[in-house]
Each structure stands twice: as C-alpha cells, then as structure tokens.
Amino acid sequence: MAYVSVNAHGQVTLPAKMRSKLDIEPGSTLLVEEENSEIILRKARVVEQSVLDKLELIAVRQGTTPQDVVRAVRKIRNKIHSGGE
C-alpha cells in the first residue's frame, strides 16, 4: 500500500514499484471505477478497431442485437474483473 497526493489537475503519480510490477508504462490505459466509495484502477485491455469491425460483421450476420452485445460484454467484463479469466 502507498499514499499518493492529488495535484491541482486531479492527477496522481503511481509509485514506480507498482508501475514496474504491473507493467504500466507511459501511454498505458487504465480503467477507473468507483465501487463502494472506493476508487479502483485496473490496467485496461484495449481492443484494436479492426477486431471490433470484424466482430460487428459477425454479429450482424448472426442477427445479434445491440442489447445482446451489451449483455455479452458485461458478462465478459465481470469474468475478467473477478479473476476468472
């Protein structure tokens, strides 16, 4: 555990040891969530636009609705964040 300060721009600096351990480099994307009055930072998993385009084509061909996609994404996100990869 470490303490960090929030600067005038709302920014914090993550401790070097944590950045190194989690392979967080300049330009890395983090997911920020609020849960039970806590701020949670997670390393984001970014998907290339070309992959999303291919998935969209498959979904359209199969008659998948936008609501189906939202439900599937939420299910996968919950699985990832609960450690059940």
N, C-alpha and C. Protein backbone atom coordinates (compact mmCIF):
# COMPACT_ATOMS: atom_id res chain seq x y z
N MET A 1 0.85 -1.16 0.00
CA MET A 1 0.00 0.00 0.00
C MET A 1 0.90 1.23 0.00
N ALA A 2 0.42 2.28 -0.66
CA ALA A 2 1.17 3.52 -0.72
C ALA A 2 0.19 4.69 -0.68
N TYR A 3 0.67 5.81 -0.22
CA TYR A 3 -0.13 7.04 -0.22
C TYR A 3 0.34 7.90 -1.37
N VAL A 4 -0.61 8.51 -2.06
CA VAL A 4 -0.30 9.45 -3.13
C VAL A 4 -1.14 10.71 -2.93
N SER A 5 -0.68 11.80 -3.48
CA SER A 5 -1.41 13.07 -3.38
C SER A 5 -2.06 13.39 -4.71
N VAL A 6 -3.17 14.09 -4.64
CA VAL A 6 -3.86 14.55 -5.84
C VAL A 6 -3.41 15.98 -6.10
N ASN A 7 -2.94 16.27 -7.33
CA ASN A 7 -2.49 17.63 -7.63
C ASN A 7 -3.66 18.50 -8.08
N ALA A 8 -3.39 19.74 -8.40
CA ALA A 8 -4.43 20.70 -8.76
C ALA A 8 -5.23 20.29 -9.99
N HIS A 9 -4.67 19.42 -10.82
CA HIS A 9 -5.35 18.95 -12.03
C HIS A 9 -6.10 17.63 -11.80
N GLY A 10 -6.12 17.16 -10.56
CA GLY A 10 -6.79 15.90 -10.25
C GLY A 10 -5.94 14.68 -10.58
N GLN A 11 -4.66 14.87 -10.80
CA GLN A 11 -3.77 13.78 -11.18
C GLN A 11 -3.04 13.21 -9.97
N VAL A 12 -2.72 11.92 -10.06
CA VAL A 12 -1.90 11.27 -9.05
C VAL A 12 -0.73 10.60 -9.76
N THR A 13 0.36 10.40 -9.04
CA THR A 13 1.50 9.67 -9.57
C THR A 13 1.54 8.31 -8.89
N LEU A 14 1.51 7.26 -9.70
CA LEU A 14 1.58 5.91 -9.15
C LEU A 14 3.03 5.61 -8.78
N PRO A 15 3.25 4.96 -7.65
CA PRO A 15 4.62 4.63 -7.24
C PRO A 15 5.33 3.78 -8.29
N ALA A 16 6.61 4.07 -8.48
CA ALA A 16 7.42 3.39 -9.50
C ALA A 16 7.40 1.87 -9.35
N LYS A 17 7.47 1.38 -8.11
CA LYS A 17 7.48 -0.07 -7.91
C LYS A 17 6.20 -0.72 -8.41
N MET A 18 5.06 -0.05 -8.16
CA MET A 18 3.77 -0.58 -8.63
C MET A 18 3.69 -0.54 -10.15
N ARG A 19 4.14 0.58 -10.74
CA ARG A 19 4.11 0.69 -12.20
C ARG A 19 4.96 -0.40 -12.83
N SER A 20 6.12 -0.64 -12.26
CA SER A 20 7.01 -1.67 -12.79
C SER A 20 6.41 -3.06 -12.65
N LYS A 21 5.90 -3.35 -11.46
CA LYS A 21 5.32 -4.67 -11.19
C LYS A 21 4.14 -4.97 -12.12
N LEU A 22 3.33 -3.94 -12.41
CA LEU A 22 2.13 -4.13 -13.23
C LEU A 22 2.35 -3.80 -14.69
N ASP A 23 3.60 -3.52 -15.06
CA ASP A 23 3.96 -3.19 -16.44
C ASP A 23 3.14 -2.02 -16.97
N ILE A 24 3.05 -0.97 -16.16
CA ILE A 24 2.35 0.25 -16.56
C ILE A 24 3.41 1.24 -17.01
N GLU A 25 3.36 1.59 -18.29
CA GLU A 25 4.34 2.48 -18.89
C GLU A 25 3.65 3.75 -19.36
N PRO A 26 4.41 4.79 -19.69
CA PRO A 26 3.79 5.98 -20.27
C PRO A 26 2.94 5.60 -21.48
N GLY A 27 1.72 6.08 -21.50
CA GLY A 27 0.81 5.74 -22.60
C GLY A 27 -0.11 4.57 -22.28
N SER A 28 0.15 3.84 -21.19
CA SER A 28 -0.74 2.74 -20.81
C SER A 28 -2.12 3.29 -20.49
N THR A 29 -3.14 2.49 -20.73
CA THR A 29 -4.50 2.90 -20.43
C THR A 29 -4.98 2.18 -19.18
N LEU A 30 -5.55 2.95 -18.25
CA LEU A 30 -6.09 2.38 -17.03
C LEU A 30 -7.59 2.58 -17.01
N LEU A 31 -8.30 1.62 -16.46
CA LEU A 31 -9.74 1.70 -16.26
C LEU A 31 -9.96 2.23 -14.84
N VAL A 32 -10.77 3.26 -14.70
CA VAL A 32 -11.05 3.87 -13.39
C VAL A 32 -12.50 3.60 -13.05
N GLU A 33 -12.73 2.99 -11.89
CA GLU A 33 -14.08 2.68 -11.45
C GLU A 33 -14.27 3.15 -10.02
N GLU A 34 -15.51 3.44 -9.66
CA GLU A 34 -15.87 3.76 -8.29
C GLU A 34 -16.75 2.63 -7.80
N GLU A 35 -16.40 2.10 -6.65
CA GLU A 35 -17.15 0.98 -6.09
C GLU A 35 -17.16 1.11 -4.58
N ASN A 36 -18.35 1.25 -4.01
CA ASN A 36 -18.49 1.37 -2.56
C ASN A 36 -17.61 2.49 -1.99
N SER A 37 -17.66 3.64 -2.62
CA SER A 37 -16.89 4.82 -2.20
C SER A 37 -15.38 4.63 -2.31
N GLU A 38 -14.93 3.69 -3.12
CA GLU A 38 -13.51 3.47 -3.36
C GLU A 38 -13.21 3.71 -4.83
N ILE A 39 -12.03 4.19 -5.11
CA ILE A 39 -11.57 4.35 -6.49
C ILE A 39 -10.70 3.15 -6.82
N ILE A 40 -11.03 2.48 -7.91
CA ILE A 40 -10.30 1.28 -8.32
C ILE A 40 -9.67 1.55 -9.68
N LEU A 41 -8.37 1.32 -9.79
CA LEU A 41 -7.65 1.43 -11.05
C LEU A 41 -7.28 0.03 -11.52
N ARG A 42 -7.55 -0.25 -12.79
CA ARG A 42 -7.16 -1.53 -13.38
C ARG A 42 -6.49 -1.26 -14.71
N LYS A 43 -5.52 -2.06 -15.05
CA LYS A 43 -4.91 -1.93 -16.36
C LYS A 43 -5.94 -2.34 -17.40
N ALA A 44 -6.20 -1.46 -18.36
CA ALA A 44 -7.23 -1.73 -19.36
C ALA A 44 -6.69 -2.65 -20.44
N ARG A 45 -7.58 -3.42 -20.98
CA ARG A 45 -7.25 -4.28 -22.11
C ARG A 45 -7.88 -3.63 -23.33
N VAL A 46 -7.05 -3.11 -24.19
CA VAL A 46 -7.52 -2.34 -25.34
C VAL A 46 -7.65 -3.27 -26.54
N VAL A 47 -8.76 -3.12 -27.27
CA VAL A 47 -9.03 -3.94 -28.44
C VAL A 47 -8.87 -3.08 -29.69
N GLU A 48 -8.16 -3.59 -30.66
CA GLU A 48 -7.95 -2.87 -31.92
C GLU A 48 -9.26 -2.68 -32.66
N GLN A 49 -9.41 -1.55 -33.33
CA GLN A 49 -10.63 -1.24 -34.07
C GLN A 49 -10.91 -2.30 -35.13
N SER A 50 -9.88 -2.85 -35.77
CA SER A 50 -10.10 -3.87 -36.81
C SER A 50 -10.77 -5.12 -36.24
N VAL A 51 -10.43 -5.46 -35.00
CA VAL A 51 -11.07 -6.61 -34.34
C VAL A 51 -12.54 -6.31 -34.07
N LEU A 52 -12.81 -5.09 -33.59
CA LEU A 52 -14.20 -4.70 -33.34
C LEU A 52 -15.02 -4.70 -34.63
N ASP A 53 -14.42 -4.24 -35.73
CA ASP A 53 -15.12 -4.24 -37.02
C ASP A 53 -15.48 -5.67 -37.46
N LYS A 54 -14.55 -6.59 -37.27
CA LYS A 54 -14.82 -8.00 -37.64
C LYS A 54 -15.92 -8.58 -36.76
N LEU A 55 -15.89 -8.28 -35.48
CA LEU A 55 -16.92 -8.77 -34.57
C LEU A 55 -18.29 -8.21 -34.93
N GLU A 56 -18.31 -6.95 -35.35
CA GLU A 56 -19.57 -6.34 -35.75
C GLU A 56 -20.15 -7.04 -36.98
N LEU A 57 -19.30 -7.37 -37.95
CA LEU A 57 -19.77 -8.09 -39.14
C LEU A 57 -20.36 -9.45 -38.77
N ILE A 58 -19.69 -10.15 -37.90
CA ILE A 58 -20.18 -11.47 -37.46
C ILE A 58 -21.52 -11.31 -36.75
N ALA A 59 -21.61 -10.32 -35.86
CA ALA A 59 -22.85 -10.11 -35.11
C ALA A 59 -24.02 -9.79 -36.04
N VAL A 60 -23.78 -8.93 -37.03
CA VAL A 60 -24.84 -8.55 -37.98
C VAL A 60 -25.30 -9.78 -38.76
N ARG A 61 -24.37 -10.59 -39.21
CA ARG A 61 -24.71 -11.81 -39.98
C ARG A 61 -25.54 -12.78 -39.14
N GLN A 62 -25.28 -12.81 -37.83
CA GLN A 62 -25.99 -13.75 -36.96
C GLN A 62 -27.27 -13.16 -36.37
N GLY A 63 -27.56 -11.92 -36.70
CA GLY A 63 -28.78 -11.28 -36.19
C GLY A 63 -28.69 -10.87 -34.73
N THR A 64 -27.48 -10.64 -34.26
CA THR A 64 -27.28 -10.24 -32.88
C THR A 64 -27.72 -8.78 -32.70
N THR A 65 -28.45 -8.52 -31.63
CA THR A 65 -28.92 -7.15 -31.36
C THR A 65 -27.88 -6.40 -30.53
N PRO A 66 -27.94 -5.08 -30.53
CA PRO A 66 -27.03 -4.31 -29.66
C PRO A 66 -27.18 -4.70 -28.19
N GLN A 67 -28.40 -5.03 -27.77
CA GLN A 67 -28.61 -5.44 -26.38
C GLN A 67 -27.89 -6.76 -26.09
N ASP A 68 -27.87 -7.67 -27.06
CA ASP A 68 -27.14 -8.92 -26.90
C ASP A 68 -25.65 -8.65 -26.69
N VAL A 69 -25.13 -7.71 -27.46
CA VAL A 69 -23.71 -7.36 -27.36
C VAL A 69 -23.40 -6.77 -26.00
N VAL A 70 -24.24 -5.85 -25.53
CA VAL A 70 -24.03 -5.23 -24.22
C VAL A 70 -24.03 -6.30 -23.13
N ARG A 71 -24.99 -7.21 -23.18
CA ARG A 71 -25.04 -8.29 -22.16
C ARG A 71 -23.79 -9.15 -22.20
N ALA A 72 -23.32 -9.49 -23.40
CA ALA A 72 -22.13 -10.33 -23.53
C ALA A 72 -20.89 -9.61 -23.01
N VAL A 73 -20.76 -8.32 -23.35
CA VAL A 73 -19.60 -7.55 -22.88
C VAL A 73 -19.60 -7.45 -21.36
N ARG A 74 -20.75 -7.19 -20.77
CA ARG A 74 -20.84 -7.12 -19.30
C ARG A 74 -20.46 -8.44 -18.66
N LYS A 75 -20.91 -9.53 -19.24
CA LYS A 75 -20.60 -10.86 -18.71
C LYS A 75 -19.09 -11.12 -18.76
N ILE A 76 -18.48 -10.79 -19.89
CA ILE A 76 -17.04 -10.99 -20.05
C ILE A 76 -16.27 -10.07 -19.11
N ARG A 77 -16.68 -8.79 -19.02
CA ARG A 77 -16.00 -7.84 -18.13
C ARG A 77 -16.06 -8.31 -16.69
N ASN A 78 -17.23 -8.79 -16.25
CA ASN A 78 -17.36 -9.29 -14.87
C ASN A 78 -16.45 -10.49 -14.65
N LYS A 79 -16.35 -11.36 -15.64
CA LYS A 79 -15.49 -12.53 -15.52
C LYS A 79 -14.02 -12.11 -15.39
N ILE A 80 -13.60 -11.14 -16.22
CA ILE A 80 -12.22 -10.66 -16.17
C ILE A 80 -11.92 -10.02 -14.82
N HIS A 81 -12.83 -9.15 -14.34
CA HIS A 81 -12.57 -8.42 -13.11
C HIS A 81 -12.70 -9.27 -11.85
N SER A 82 -13.36 -10.40 -11.97
CA SER A 82 -13.46 -11.28 -10.80
C SER A 82 -12.30 -12.28 -10.77
N GLY A 83 -11.40 -12.18 -11.75
CA GLY A 83 -10.24 -13.07 -11.78
C GLY A 83 -10.51 -14.40 -12.44
N GLY A 84 -11.64 -14.55 -13.10
CA GLY A 84 -12.00 -15.82 -13.73
C GLY A 84 -11.66 -15.90 -15.18
N GLU A 85 -10.50 -15.40 -15.57
CA GLU A 85 -10.11 -15.39 -17.00
C GLU A 85 -9.98 -16.78 -17.55
